């Protein structure tokens, strides 16, 4: 499935980046502190696993983060693995202090 036309929702009230696809909600739970965004957990409904929605969600979130001049602190295992597969996004990593 092509997720390009599905908009990323930044649900600030519950600190989630979301994609709603066919009534299903995939999300990344985050916490914002200053210019750092801590990416805590990525979740995709079971019926959508293996469809590429998690990768699309992460890419859309990374674009949002970059556009808003934030730096990421990846705490989620999926996002850590995604960064290993896509090292071009490591430019968004927060520098350890």
N, C-alpha and C. Protein backbone atom coordinates (compact mmCIF):
# COMPACT_ATOMS: atom_id res chain seq x y z
N UNK A 1 0.84 -1.19 0.00
CA UNK A 1 0.00 0.00 0.00
C UNK A 1 0.88 1.25 0.00
N UNK A 2 0.41 2.29 -0.64
CA UNK A 2 1.14 3.56 -0.69
C UNK A 2 0.58 4.50 0.38
N UNK A 3 1.43 4.90 1.30
CA UNK A 3 1.00 5.76 2.42
C UNK A 3 1.34 7.23 2.21
N UNK A 4 1.86 7.54 1.03
CA UNK A 4 2.34 8.89 0.76
C UNK A 4 1.25 9.95 0.94
N UNK A 5 0.04 9.66 0.54
CA UNK A 5 -1.04 10.65 0.60
C UNK A 5 -1.76 10.71 1.95
N UNK A 6 -1.38 9.85 2.87
CA UNK A 6 -2.02 9.85 4.18
C UNK A 6 -1.27 10.83 5.09
N UNK A 7 -1.97 11.83 5.61
CA UNK A 7 -1.28 12.85 6.40
C UNK A 7 -0.89 12.36 7.79
N UNK A 8 0.26 12.83 8.24
CA UNK A 8 0.70 12.60 9.61
C UNK A 8 -0.09 13.52 10.52
N UNK A 9 -0.59 12.97 11.62
CA UNK A 9 -1.29 13.77 12.62
C UNK A 9 -0.37 13.89 13.83
N UNK A 10 -0.13 15.13 14.27
CA UNK A 10 0.60 15.33 15.52
C UNK A 10 -0.45 15.59 16.58
N UNK A 11 -0.80 14.55 17.32
CA UNK A 11 -1.81 14.64 18.37
C UNK A 11 -1.10 15.09 19.65
N UNK A 12 -0.93 16.39 19.76
CA UNK A 12 -0.16 16.95 20.88
C UNK A 12 -0.81 16.67 22.24
N UNK A 13 -2.12 16.53 22.28
CA UNK A 13 -2.82 16.29 23.55
C UNK A 13 -2.37 14.99 24.21
N UNK A 14 -2.07 13.98 23.41
CA UNK A 14 -1.63 12.70 23.97
C UNK A 14 -0.20 12.33 23.56
N UNK A 15 0.52 13.30 22.97
CA UNK A 15 1.93 13.13 22.60
C UNK A 15 2.14 11.94 21.66
N UNK A 16 1.38 11.93 20.57
CA UNK A 16 1.49 10.87 19.57
C UNK A 16 1.57 11.46 18.17
N UNK A 17 2.43 10.86 17.35
CA UNK A 17 2.35 11.04 15.90
C UNK A 17 1.48 9.89 15.43
N UNK A 18 0.50 10.17 14.56
CA UNK A 18 -0.46 9.14 14.18
C UNK A 18 -0.66 9.09 12.67
N UNK A 19 -0.94 7.89 12.19
CA UNK A 19 -1.46 7.66 10.86
C UNK A 19 -2.76 6.87 11.05
N UNK A 20 -3.83 7.35 10.44
CA UNK A 20 -5.11 6.64 10.48
C UNK A 20 -5.33 6.05 9.09
N UNK A 21 -5.38 4.73 9.02
CA UNK A 21 -5.52 4.03 7.75
C UNK A 21 -6.67 3.04 7.87
N UNK A 22 -7.69 3.24 7.04
CA UNK A 22 -8.87 2.36 7.04
C UNK A 22 -9.42 2.18 8.45
N UNK A 23 -9.46 3.27 9.21
CA UNK A 23 -10.00 3.22 10.56
C UNK A 23 -9.04 2.69 11.61
N UNK A 24 -7.85 2.27 11.20
CA UNK A 24 -6.84 1.77 12.14
C UNK A 24 -5.84 2.87 12.46
N UNK A 25 -5.39 2.90 13.70
CA UNK A 25 -4.47 3.93 14.17
C UNK A 25 -3.10 3.33 14.47
N UNK A 26 -2.08 3.80 13.75
CA UNK A 26 -0.69 3.48 14.06
C UNK A 26 -0.10 4.73 14.69
N UNK A 27 0.79 4.57 15.67
CA UNK A 27 1.30 5.77 16.34
C UNK A 27 2.71 5.60 16.88
N UNK A 28 3.34 6.76 17.10
CA UNK A 28 4.61 6.85 17.83
C UNK A 28 4.32 7.71 19.05
N UNK A 29 4.59 7.17 20.21
CA UNK A 29 4.45 7.91 21.46
C UNK A 29 5.73 8.71 21.68
N UNK A 30 5.60 9.98 22.02
CA UNK A 30 6.78 10.82 22.21
C UNK A 30 6.63 11.74 23.42
N UNK A 31 7.77 12.29 23.81
CA UNK A 31 7.80 13.33 24.86
C UNK A 31 8.71 14.43 24.34
N UNK A 32 8.24 15.65 24.40
CA UNK A 32 8.99 16.80 23.92
C UNK A 32 9.57 17.55 25.11
N UNK A 33 10.89 17.79 25.05
CA UNK A 33 11.58 18.58 26.08
C UNK A 33 12.51 19.54 25.37
N UNK A 34 12.15 20.82 25.37
CA UNK A 34 12.95 21.81 24.67
C UNK A 34 12.96 21.51 23.18
N UNK A 35 14.18 21.38 22.62
CA UNK A 35 14.28 21.06 21.19
C UNK A 35 14.54 19.58 20.95
N UNK A 36 14.37 18.76 21.98
CA UNK A 36 14.56 17.31 21.86
C UNK A 36 13.22 16.61 21.93
N UNK A 37 13.07 15.63 21.06
CA UNK A 37 11.85 14.82 21.07
C UNK A 37 12.26 13.37 21.34
N UNK A 38 11.77 12.85 22.44
CA UNK A 38 12.07 11.49 22.86
C UNK A 38 11.03 10.57 22.24
N UNK A 39 11.47 9.68 21.35
CA UNK A 39 10.57 8.76 20.66
C UNK A 39 10.54 7.47 21.48
N UNK A 40 9.41 7.25 22.16
CA UNK A 40 9.32 6.23 23.20
C UNK A 40 8.85 4.87 22.69
N UNK A 41 7.82 4.87 21.84
CA UNK A 41 7.20 3.60 21.45
C UNK A 41 6.48 3.76 20.12
N UNK A 42 6.63 2.78 19.26
CA UNK A 42 5.91 2.74 17.98
C UNK A 42 4.95 1.55 18.03
N UNK A 43 3.71 1.79 17.62
CA UNK A 43 2.73 0.71 17.65
C UNK A 43 1.90 0.72 16.37
N UNK A 44 1.73 -0.48 15.82
CA UNK A 44 0.94 -0.69 14.60
C UNK A 44 -0.08 -1.77 14.92
N UNK A 45 -1.36 -1.58 14.55
CA UNK A 45 -2.36 -2.62 14.79
C UNK A 45 -1.94 -3.95 14.14
N UNK A 46 -2.28 -5.05 14.78
CA UNK A 46 -1.87 -6.37 14.31
C UNK A 46 -2.27 -6.60 12.86
N UNK A 47 -3.45 -6.14 12.47
CA UNK A 47 -3.91 -6.38 11.10
C UNK A 47 -3.12 -5.59 10.05
N UNK A 48 -2.27 -4.66 10.50
CA UNK A 48 -1.47 -3.85 9.57
C UNK A 48 0.01 -4.21 9.60
N UNK A 49 0.39 -5.13 10.46
CA UNK A 49 1.81 -5.52 10.55
C UNK A 49 2.29 -6.08 9.22
N UNK A 50 3.51 -5.73 8.85
CA UNK A 50 4.10 -6.23 7.63
C UNK A 50 3.67 -5.50 6.37
N UNK A 51 2.94 -4.39 6.52
CA UNK A 51 2.45 -3.65 5.36
C UNK A 51 3.28 -2.40 5.06
N UNK A 52 4.28 -2.12 5.89
CA UNK A 52 5.13 -0.95 5.67
C UNK A 52 4.62 0.31 6.37
N UNK A 53 3.54 0.17 7.13
CA UNK A 53 2.98 1.35 7.78
C UNK A 53 3.92 1.92 8.85
N UNK A 54 4.63 1.07 9.57
CA UNK A 54 5.54 1.56 10.61
C UNK A 54 6.66 2.39 9.98
N UNK A 55 7.24 1.90 8.90
CA UNK A 55 8.31 2.64 8.22
C UNK A 55 7.78 3.97 7.67
N UNK A 56 6.58 3.95 7.11
CA UNK A 56 5.98 5.20 6.58
C UNK A 56 5.73 6.19 7.71
N UNK A 57 5.25 5.69 8.84
CA UNK A 57 4.99 6.54 10.00
C UNK A 57 6.29 7.17 10.50
N UNK A 58 7.35 6.39 10.62
CA UNK A 58 8.63 6.91 11.10
C UNK A 58 9.18 7.96 10.12
N UNK A 59 9.12 7.67 8.83
CA UNK A 59 9.63 8.63 7.85
C UNK A 59 8.85 9.95 7.90
N UNK A 60 7.53 9.87 8.00
CA UNK A 60 6.72 11.09 8.09
C UNK A 60 7.04 11.86 9.38
N UNK A 61 7.21 11.12 10.49
CA UNK A 61 7.55 11.76 11.76
C UNK A 61 8.93 12.42 11.67
N UNK A 62 9.90 11.76 11.06
CA UNK A 62 11.23 12.33 10.91
C UNK A 62 11.19 13.60 10.06
N UNK A 63 10.40 13.60 9.01
CA UNK A 63 10.26 14.81 8.19
C UNK A 63 9.66 15.95 9.02
N UNK A 64 8.65 15.63 9.81
CA UNK A 64 8.03 16.65 10.69
C UNK A 64 9.06 17.18 11.68
N UNK A 65 9.81 16.28 12.29
CA UNK A 65 10.82 16.65 13.29
C UNK A 65 11.87 17.55 12.66
N UNK A 66 12.33 17.19 11.48
CA UNK A 66 13.33 18.00 10.80
C UNK A 66 12.76 19.37 10.42
N UNK A 67 11.55 19.40 9.90
CA UNK A 67 10.92 20.67 9.51
C UNK A 67 10.72 21.60 10.70
N UNK A 68 10.62 21.02 11.90
CA UNK A 68 10.39 21.82 13.11
C UNK A 68 11.66 22.01 13.93
N UNK A 69 12.80 21.69 13.33
CA UNK A 69 14.13 21.93 13.93
C UNK A 69 14.29 21.27 15.29
N UNK A 70 13.80 20.04 15.39
CA UNK A 70 13.94 19.26 16.62
C UNK A 70 15.01 18.20 16.42
N UNK A 71 15.49 17.65 17.53
CA UNK A 71 16.46 16.55 17.50
C UNK A 71 15.84 15.36 18.21
N UNK A 72 16.14 14.16 17.71
CA UNK A 72 15.52 12.97 18.28
C UNK A 72 16.42 12.27 19.30
N UNK A 73 15.75 11.69 20.29
CA UNK A 73 16.37 10.78 21.24
C UNK A 73 15.57 9.48 21.09
N UNK A 74 16.13 8.50 20.36
CA UNK A 74 15.37 7.28 20.08
C UNK A 74 15.41 6.31 21.27
N UNK A 75 14.27 6.07 21.87
CA UNK A 75 14.15 5.12 22.97
C UNK A 75 13.42 3.86 22.51
N UNK A 76 12.75 3.94 21.39
CA UNK A 76 11.97 2.84 20.82
C UNK A 76 12.87 1.91 20.02
N UNK A 77 12.77 0.62 20.25
CA UNK A 77 13.60 -0.36 19.55
C UNK A 77 13.37 -0.32 18.04
N UNK A 78 12.13 -0.12 17.61
CA UNK A 78 11.85 -0.07 16.17
C UNK A 78 12.57 1.13 15.54
N UNK A 79 12.54 2.26 16.21
CA UNK A 79 13.17 3.47 15.65
C UNK A 79 14.68 3.32 15.63
N UNK A 80 15.25 2.70 16.65
CA UNK A 80 16.70 2.43 16.66
C UNK A 80 17.05 1.55 15.45
N UNK A 81 16.26 0.50 15.22
CA UNK A 81 16.50 -0.39 14.08
C UNK A 81 16.32 0.36 12.76
N UNK A 82 15.32 1.23 12.68
CA UNK A 82 15.08 2.02 11.46
C UNK A 82 16.28 2.91 11.16
N UNK A 83 16.84 3.52 12.18
CA UNK A 83 18.02 4.38 12.00
C UNK A 83 19.22 3.58 11.49
N UNK A 84 19.35 2.33 11.90
CA UNK A 84 20.45 1.49 11.41
C UNK A 84 20.26 1.19 9.93
N UNK A 85 19.01 1.01 9.50
CA UNK A 85 18.72 0.73 8.09
C UNK A 85 18.74 1.99 7.23
N UNK A 86 18.55 3.15 7.85
CA UNK A 86 18.47 4.43 7.14
C UNK A 86 19.39 5.45 7.81
N UNK A 87 20.72 5.26 7.68
CA UNK A 87 21.67 6.13 8.39
C UNK A 87 21.59 7.59 7.98
N UNK A 88 20.97 7.90 6.85
CA UNK A 88 20.83 9.31 6.44
C UNK A 88 20.02 10.12 7.45
N UNK A 89 19.20 9.46 8.25
CA UNK A 89 18.39 10.17 9.26
C UNK A 89 19.16 10.43 10.56
N UNK A 90 20.36 9.88 10.68
CA UNK A 90 21.13 10.09 11.91
C UNK A 90 21.47 11.56 12.12
N UNK A 91 21.30 12.36 11.07
CA UNK A 91 21.52 13.81 11.20
C UNK A 91 20.54 14.44 12.21
N UNK A 92 19.47 13.73 12.53
CA UNK A 92 18.47 14.26 13.47
C UNK A 92 18.77 13.88 14.92
N UNK A 93 19.77 13.04 15.14
CA UNK A 93 20.06 12.59 16.50
C UNK A 93 20.54 13.73 17.38
N UNK A 94 20.01 13.78 18.59
CA UNK A 94 20.47 14.76 19.56
C UNK A 94 21.89 14.38 20.00
N UNK A 95 22.70 15.37 20.20
CA UNK A 95 24.07 15.14 20.68
C UNK A 95 23.99 14.86 22.19
N UNK A 96 24.64 13.78 22.60
CA UNK A 96 24.64 13.45 24.04
C UNK A 96 25.38 14.54 24.81
N UNK A 97 24.79 14.92 25.91
CA UNK A 97 25.40 15.98 26.73
C UNK A 97 26.10 15.42 27.92
